[in-house]
Amino acid sequence: MHNIKTNFDKIHELLKDILCDEINEKVNYRRRGVVPRFSDIEVMILSLTAECLSIDNENYLFSKLVSE
């Protein structure tokens, strides 16, 4: 499967189940301070999705995100 959105959704379900005890309702690790716009789990999922699709270059990843 080469669709980024489909892979992202599948990895999201798995990672959310694995990390259910460690993350809060906003899908971030519990910590004080400002809540980021892009959640911690989304950063991990995007990284794992890029690895699964063998995308090594961040510029290529972001160009694919814009095109899809």
PDB file of N, CA and C in Angstrom:
ATOM      1  N   MET A   1       0.827  -1.167   0.000  1.00  0.00           N
ATOM      2  CA  MET A   1       0.000   0.000   0.000  1.00  0.00           C
ATOM      3  C   MET A   1       0.883   1.246   0.000  1.00  0.00           C
ATOM      4  N   HIS A   2       0.630   2.153  -0.920  1.00  0.00           N
ATOM      5  CA  HIS A   2       1.467   3.338  -1.029  1.00  0.00           C
ATOM      6  C   HIS A   2       0.712   4.613  -0.696  1.00  0.00           C
ATOM      7  N   ASN A   3      -0.491   4.489  -0.186  1.00  0.00           N
ATOM      8  CA  ASN A   3      -1.277   5.652   0.174  1.00  0.00           C
ATOM      9  C   ASN A   3      -0.904   6.089   1.593  1.00  0.00           C
ATOM     10  N   ILE A   4      -0.446   7.310   1.725  1.00  0.00           N
ATOM     11  CA  ILE A   4       0.012   7.802   3.024  1.00  0.00           C
ATOM     12  C   ILE A   4      -1.137   7.868   4.020  1.00  0.00           C
ATOM     13  N   LYS A   5      -2.286   8.348   3.594  1.00  0.00           N
ATOM     14  CA  LYS A   5      -3.436   8.495   4.496  1.00  0.00           C
ATOM     15  C   LYS A   5      -3.896   7.139   5.039  1.00  0.00           C
ATOM     16  N   THR A   6      -3.968   6.131   4.193  1.00  0.00           N
ATOM     17  CA  THR A   6      -4.395   4.799   4.630  1.00  0.00           C
ATOM     18  C   THR A   6      -3.419   4.217   5.635  1.00  0.00           C
ATOM     19  N   ASN A   7      -2.130   4.321   5.336  1.00  0.00           N
ATOM     20  CA  ASN A   7      -1.113   3.823   6.265  1.00  0.00           C
ATOM     21  C   ASN A   7      -1.137   4.598   7.568  1.00  0.00           C
ATOM     22  N   PHE A   8      -1.308   5.905   7.485  1.00  0.00           N
ATOM     23  CA  PHE A   8      -1.364   6.743   8.680  1.00  0.00           C
ATOM     24  C   PHE A   8      -2.518   6.299   9.584  1.00  0.00           C
ATOM     25  N   ASP A   9      -3.684   6.055   8.990  1.00  0.00           N
ATOM     26  CA  ASP A   9      -4.855   5.647   9.773  1.00  0.00           C
ATOM     27  C   ASP A   9      -4.662   4.292  10.436  1.00  0.00           C
ATOM     28  N   LYS A  10      -4.064   3.349   9.725  1.00  0.00           N
ATOM     29  CA  LYS A  10      -3.837   2.018  10.301  1.00  0.00           C
ATOM     30  C   LYS A  10      -2.832   2.067  11.451  1.00  0.00           C
ATOM     31  N   ILE A  11      -1.755   2.808  11.261  1.00  0.00           N
ATOM     32  CA  ILE A  11      -0.749   2.926  12.314  1.00  0.00           C
ATOM     33  C   ILE A  11      -1.322   3.700  13.498  1.00  0.00           C
ATOM     34  N   HIS A  12      -2.177   4.670  13.225  1.00  0.00           N
ATOM     35  CA  HIS A  12      -2.809   5.455  14.293  1.00  0.00           C
ATOM     36  C   HIS A  12      -3.623   4.555  15.222  1.00  0.00           C
ATOM     37  N   GLU A  13      -4.414   3.661  14.662  1.00  0.00           N
ATOM     38  CA  GLU A  13      -5.215   2.743  15.476  1.00  0.00           C
ATOM     39  C   GLU A  13      -4.327   1.859  16.346  1.00  0.00           C
ATOM     40  N   LEU A  14      -3.290   1.309  15.754  1.00  0.00           N
ATOM     41  CA  LEU A  14      -2.398   0.425  16.493  1.00  0.00           C
ATOM     42  C   LEU A  14      -1.649   1.160  17.604  1.00  0.00           C
ATOM     43  N   LEU A  15      -1.100   2.304  17.289  1.00  0.00           N
ATOM     44  CA  LEU A  15      -0.307   3.040  18.270  1.00  0.00           C
ATOM     45  C   LEU A  15      -1.173   3.586  19.400  1.00  0.00           C
ATOM     46  N   LYS A  16      -2.390   3.971  19.079  1.00  0.00           N
ATOM     47  CA  LYS A  16      -3.292   4.467  20.115  1.00  0.00           C
ATOM     48  C   LYS A  16      -3.646   3.345  21.093  1.00  0.00           C
ATOM     49  N   ASP A  17      -3.826   2.131  20.589  1.00  0.00           N
ATOM     50  CA  ASP A  17      -4.091   0.985  21.469  1.00  0.00           C
ATOM     51  C   ASP A  17      -2.884   0.654  22.338  1.00  0.00           C
ATOM     52  N   ILE A  18      -1.704   0.750  21.766  1.00  0.00           N
ATOM     53  CA  ILE A  18      -0.482   0.414  22.501  1.00  0.00           C
ATOM     54  C   ILE A  18      -0.198   1.443  23.590  1.00  0.00           C
ATOM     55  N   LEU A  19      -0.394   2.717  23.275  1.00  0.00           N
ATOM     56  CA  LEU A  19      -0.040   3.793  24.203  1.00  0.00           C
ATOM     57  C   LEU A  19      -1.224   4.322  25.013  1.00  0.00           C
ATOM     58  N   CYS A  20      -2.305   3.582  25.085  1.00  0.00           N
ATOM     59  CA  CYS A  20      -3.525   4.092  25.712  1.00  0.00           C
ATOM     60  C   CYS A  20      -3.324   4.533  27.159  1.00  0.00           C
ATOM     61  N   ASP A  21      -2.454   3.892  27.916  1.00  0.00           N
ATOM     62  CA  ASP A  21      -2.241   4.262  29.315  1.00  0.00           C
ATOM     63  C   ASP A  21      -1.296   5.436  29.489  1.00  0.00           C
ATOM     64  N   GLU A  22      -0.517   5.752  28.473  1.00  0.00           N
ATOM     65  CA  GLU A  22       0.515   6.775  28.606  1.00  0.00           C
ATOM     66  C   GLU A  22       0.117   8.136  28.033  1.00  0.00           C
ATOM     67  N   ILE A  23      -0.969   8.200  27.265  1.00  0.00           N
ATOM     68  CA  ILE A  23      -1.356   9.456  26.628  1.00  0.00           C
ATOM     69  C   ILE A  23      -2.646   9.998  27.236  1.00  0.00           C
ATOM     70  N   ASN A  24      -2.856  11.303  27.107  1.00  0.00           N
ATOM     71  CA  ASN A  24      -4.062  11.921  27.643  1.00  0.00           C
ATOM     72  C   ASN A  24      -5.132  12.039  26.560  1.00  0.00           C
ATOM     73  N   GLU A  25      -6.208  12.746  26.860  1.00  0.00           N
ATOM     74  CA  GLU A  25      -7.330  12.851  25.923  1.00  0.00           C
ATOM     75  C   GLU A  25      -6.992  13.636  24.663  1.00  0.00           C
ATOM     76  N   LYS A  26      -5.944  14.457  24.702  1.00  0.00           N
ATOM     77  CA  LYS A  26      -5.523  15.209  23.518  1.00  0.00           C
ATOM     78  C   LYS A  26      -4.418  14.477  22.767  1.00  0.00           C
ATOM     79  N   VAL A  27      -4.228  13.228  23.064  1.00  0.00           N
ATOM     80  CA  VAL A  27      -3.286  12.317  22.419  1.00  0.00           C
ATOM     81  C   VAL A  27      -1.844  12.807  22.532  1.00  0.00           C
ATOM     82  N   ASN A  28      -1.505  13.387  23.663  1.00  0.00           N
ATOM     83  CA  ASN A  28      -0.143  13.811  23.978  1.00  0.00           C
ATOM     84  C   ASN A  28       0.309  13.097  25.234  1.00  0.00           C
ATOM     85  N   TYR A  29       1.613  13.026  25.404  1.00  0.00           N
ATOM     86  CA  TYR A  29       2.133  12.520  26.668  1.00  0.00           C
ATOM     87  C   TYR A  29       1.786  13.523  27.759  1.00  0.00           C
ATOM     88  N   ARG A  30       1.564  13.016  28.942  1.00  0.00           N
ATOM     89  CA  ARG A  30       1.202  13.893  30.063  1.00  0.00           C
ATOM     90  C   ARG A  30       2.413  14.730  30.472  1.00  0.00           C
ATOM     91  N   ARG A  31       2.235  16.059  30.409  1.00  0.00           N
ATOM     92  CA  ARG A  31       3.295  16.980  30.813  1.00  0.00           C
ATOM     93  C   ARG A  31       2.691  18.356  31.033  1.00  0.00           C
ATOM     94  N   ARG A  32       3.433  19.206  31.693  1.00  0.00           N
ATOM     95  CA  ARG A  32       2.990  20.577  31.923  1.00  0.00           C
ATOM     96  C   ARG A  32       3.384  21.443  30.746  1.00  0.00           C
ATOM     97  N   GLY A  33       2.739  22.584  30.643  1.00  0.00           N
ATOM     98  CA  GLY A  33       3.136  23.546  29.630  1.00  0.00           C
ATOM     99  C   GLY A  33       2.130  23.677  28.506  1.00  0.00           C
ATOM    100  N   VAL A  34       2.567  24.302  27.462  1.00  0.00           N
ATOM    101  CA  VAL A  34       1.731  24.586  26.302  1.00  0.00           C
ATOM    102  C   VAL A  34       1.437  23.287  25.542  1.00  0.00           C
ATOM    103  N   VAL A  35       0.201  23.156  25.098  1.00  0.00           N
ATOM    104  CA  VAL A  35      -0.189  21.990  24.309  1.00  0.00           C
ATOM    105  C   VAL A  35       0.127  22.284  22.838  1.00  0.00           C
ATOM    106  N   PRO A  36       0.946  21.448  22.199  1.00  0.00           N
ATOM    107  CA  PRO A  36       1.306  21.702  20.798  1.00  0.00           C
ATOM    108  C   PRO A  36       0.128  21.448  19.862  1.00  0.00           C
ATOM    109  N   ARG A  37       0.168  22.073  18.669  1.00  0.00           N
ATOM    110  CA  ARG A  37      -0.899  21.861  17.685  1.00  0.00           C
ATOM    111  C   ARG A  37      -0.845  20.461  17.097  1.00  0.00           C
ATOM    112  N   PHE A  38       0.342  19.973  16.845  1.00  0.00           N
ATOM    113  CA  PHE A  38       0.544  18.641  16.274  1.00  0.00           C
ATOM    114  C   PHE A  38       0.861  17.722  17.440  1.00  0.00           C
ATOM    115  N   SER A  39       0.002  16.756  17.708  1.00  0.00           N
ATOM    116  CA  SER A  39       0.156  15.934  18.905  1.00  0.00           C
ATOM    117  C   SER A  39       1.376  15.015  18.817  1.00  0.00           C
ATOM    118  N   ASP A  40       1.804  14.554  19.974  1.00  0.00           N
ATOM    119  CA  ASP A  40       2.969  13.671  20.048  1.00  0.00           C
ATOM    120  C   ASP A  40       2.760  12.393  19.249  1.00  0.00           C
ATOM    121  N   ILE A  41       1.577  11.828  19.374  1.00  0.00           N
ATOM    122  CA  ILE A  41       1.315  10.565  18.687  1.00  0.00           C
ATOM    123  C   ILE A  41       1.274  10.761  17.168  1.00  0.00           C
ATOM    124  N   GLU A  42       0.818  11.923  16.695  1.00  0.00           N
ATOM    125  CA  GLU A  42       0.800  12.184  15.257  1.00  0.00           C
ATOM    126  C   GLU A  42       2.212  12.297  14.690  1.00  0.00           C
ATOM    127  N   VAL A  43       3.119  12.853  15.462  1.00  0.00           N
ATOM    128  CA  VAL A  43       4.519  12.938  15.027  1.00  0.00           C
ATOM    129  C   VAL A  43       5.110  11.533  14.904  1.00  0.00           C
ATOM    130  N   MET A  44       4.835  10.686  15.895  1.00  0.00           N
ATOM    131  CA  MET A  44       5.339   9.311  15.844  1.00  0.00           C
ATOM    132  C   MET A  44       4.729   8.541  14.676  1.00  0.00           C
ATOM    133  N   ILE A  45       3.441   8.721  14.447  1.00  0.00           N
ATOM    134  CA  ILE A  45       2.763   8.007  13.366  1.00  0.00           C
ATOM    135  C   ILE A  45       3.299   8.452  12.008  1.00  0.00           C
ATOM    136  N   LEU A  46       3.511   9.742  11.838  1.00  0.00           N
ATOM    137  CA  LEU A  46       4.042  10.242  10.569  1.00  0.00           C
ATOM    138  C   LEU A  46       5.438   9.688  10.311  1.00  0.00           C
ATOM    139  N   SER A  47       6.243   9.604  11.345  1.00  0.00           N
ATOM    140  CA  SER A  47       7.581   9.045  11.217  1.00  0.00           C
ATOM    141  C   SER A  47       7.521   7.569  10.850  1.00  0.00           C
ATOM    142  N   LEU A  48       6.648   6.820  11.513  1.00  0.00           N
ATOM    143  CA  LEU A  48       6.505   5.393  11.209  1.00  0.00           C
ATOM    144  C   LEU A  48       5.941   5.167   9.805  1.00  0.00           C
ATOM    145  N   THR A  49       5.023   6.010   9.388  1.00  0.00           N
ATOM    146  CA  THR A  49       4.452   5.901   8.047  1.00  0.00           C
ATOM    147  C   THR A  49       5.530   6.130   6.990  1.00  0.00           C
ATOM    148  N   ALA A  50       6.365   7.136   7.195  1.00  0.00           N
ATOM    149  CA  ALA A  50       7.457   7.405   6.257  1.00  0.00           C
ATOM    150  C   ALA A  50       8.414   6.219   6.205  1.00  0.00           C
ATOM    151  N   GLU A  51       8.715   5.625   7.353  1.00  0.00           N
ATOM    152  CA  GLU A  51       9.595   4.451   7.383  1.00  0.00           C
ATOM    153  C   GLU A  51       8.969   3.278   6.641  1.00  0.00           C
ATOM    154  N   CYS A  52       7.680   3.066   6.836  1.00  0.00           N
ATOM    155  CA  CYS A  52       6.987   1.953   6.161  1.00  0.00           C
ATOM    156  C   CYS A  52       6.987   2.120   4.651  1.00  0.00           C
ATOM    157  N   LEU A  53       6.905   3.359   4.194  1.00  0.00           N
ATOM    158  CA  LEU A  53       6.889   3.630   2.760  1.00  0.00           C
ATOM    159  C   LEU A  53       8.283   3.849   2.189  1.00  0.00           C
ATOM    160  N   SER A  54       9.310   3.661   3.005  1.00  0.00           N
ATOM    161  CA  SER A  54      10.717   3.830   2.610  1.00  0.00           C
ATOM    162  C   SER A  54      10.997   5.231   2.091  1.00  0.00           C
ATOM    163  N   ILE A  55      10.443   6.223   2.759  1.00  0.00           N
ATOM    164  CA  ILE A  55      10.695   7.617   2.415  1.00  0.00           C
ATOM    165  C   ILE A  55      11.769   8.125   3.372  1.00  0.00           C
ATOM    166  N   ASP A  56      12.952   8.379   2.841  1.00  0.00           N
ATOM    167  CA  ASP A  56      14.079   8.788   3.668  1.00  0.00           C
ATOM    168  C   ASP A  56      14.227  10.298   3.761  1.00  0.00           C
ATOM    169  N   ASN A  57      13.779  10.994   2.755  1.00  0.00           N
ATOM    170  CA  ASN A  57      13.980  12.431   2.667  1.00  0.00           C
ATOM    171  C   ASN A  57      12.737  13.165   3.171  1.00  0.00           C
ATOM    172  N   GLU A  58      12.918  14.097   4.106  1.00  0.00           N
ATOM    173  CA  GLU A  58      11.784  14.851   4.646  1.00  0.00           C
ATOM    174  C   GLU A  58      11.142  15.738   3.583  1.00  0.00           C
ATOM    175  N   ASN A  59      11.948  16.302   2.697  1.00  0.00           N
ATOM    176  CA  ASN A  59      11.390  17.137   1.625  1.00  0.00           C
ATOM    177  C   ASN A  59      10.485  16.312   0.732  1.00  0.00           C
ATOM    178  N   TYR A  60      10.887  15.094   0.421  1.00  0.00           N
ATOM    179  CA  TYR A  60      10.067  14.215  -0.406  1.00  0.00           C
ATOM    180  C   TYR A  60       8.777  13.845   0.324  1.00  0.00           C
ATOM    181  N   LEU A  61       8.877  13.573   1.624  1.00  0.00           N
ATOM    182  CA  LEU A  61       7.690  13.235   2.414  1.00  0.00           C
ATOM    183  C   LEU A  61       6.686  14.381   2.401  1.00  0.00           C
ATOM    184  N   PHE A  62       7.148  15.597   2.664  1.00  0.00           N
ATOM    185  CA  PHE A  62       6.230  16.724   2.713  1.00  0.00           C
ATOM    186  C   PHE A  62       5.677  17.075   1.331  1.00  0.00           C
ATOM    187  N   SER A  63       6.442  16.835   0.278  1.00  0.00           N
ATOM    188  CA  SER A  63       5.897  17.067  -1.073  1.00  0.00           C
ATOM    189  C   SER A  63       4.819  16.034  -1.396  1.00  0.00           C
ATOM    190  N   LYS A  64       4.999  14.794  -0.930  1.00  0.00           N
ATOM    191  CA  LYS A  64       3.968  13.763  -1.117  1.00  0.00           C
ATOM    192  C   LYS A  64       2.726  14.086  -0.296  1.00  0.00           C
ATOM    193  N   LEU A  65       2.904  14.626   0.908  1.00  0.00           N
ATOM    194  CA  LEU A  65       1.762  15.004   1.743  1.00  0.00           C
ATOM    195  C   LEU A  65       0.939  16.096   1.065  1.00  0.00           C
ATOM    196  N   VAL A  66       1.615  17.062   0.468  1.00  0.00           N
ATOM    197  CA  VAL A  66       0.907  18.152  -0.205  1.00  0.00           C
ATOM    198  C   VAL A  66       0.182  17.628  -1.434  1.00  0.00           C
ATOM    199  N   SER A  67       0.804  16.720  -2.181  1.00  0.00           N
ATOM    200  CA  SER A  67       0.191  16.208  -3.404  1.00  0.00           C
ATOM    201  C   SER A  67      -0.978  15.263  -3.126  1.00  0.00           C
ATOM    202  N   GLU A  68      -0.966  14.602  -1.977  1.00  0.00           N
ATOM    203  CA  GLU A  68      -2.065  13.699  -1.650  1.00  0.00           C
ATOM    204  C   GLU A  68      -3.041  14.427  -0.768  1.00  0.00           C
TER     205      GLU A  68
END
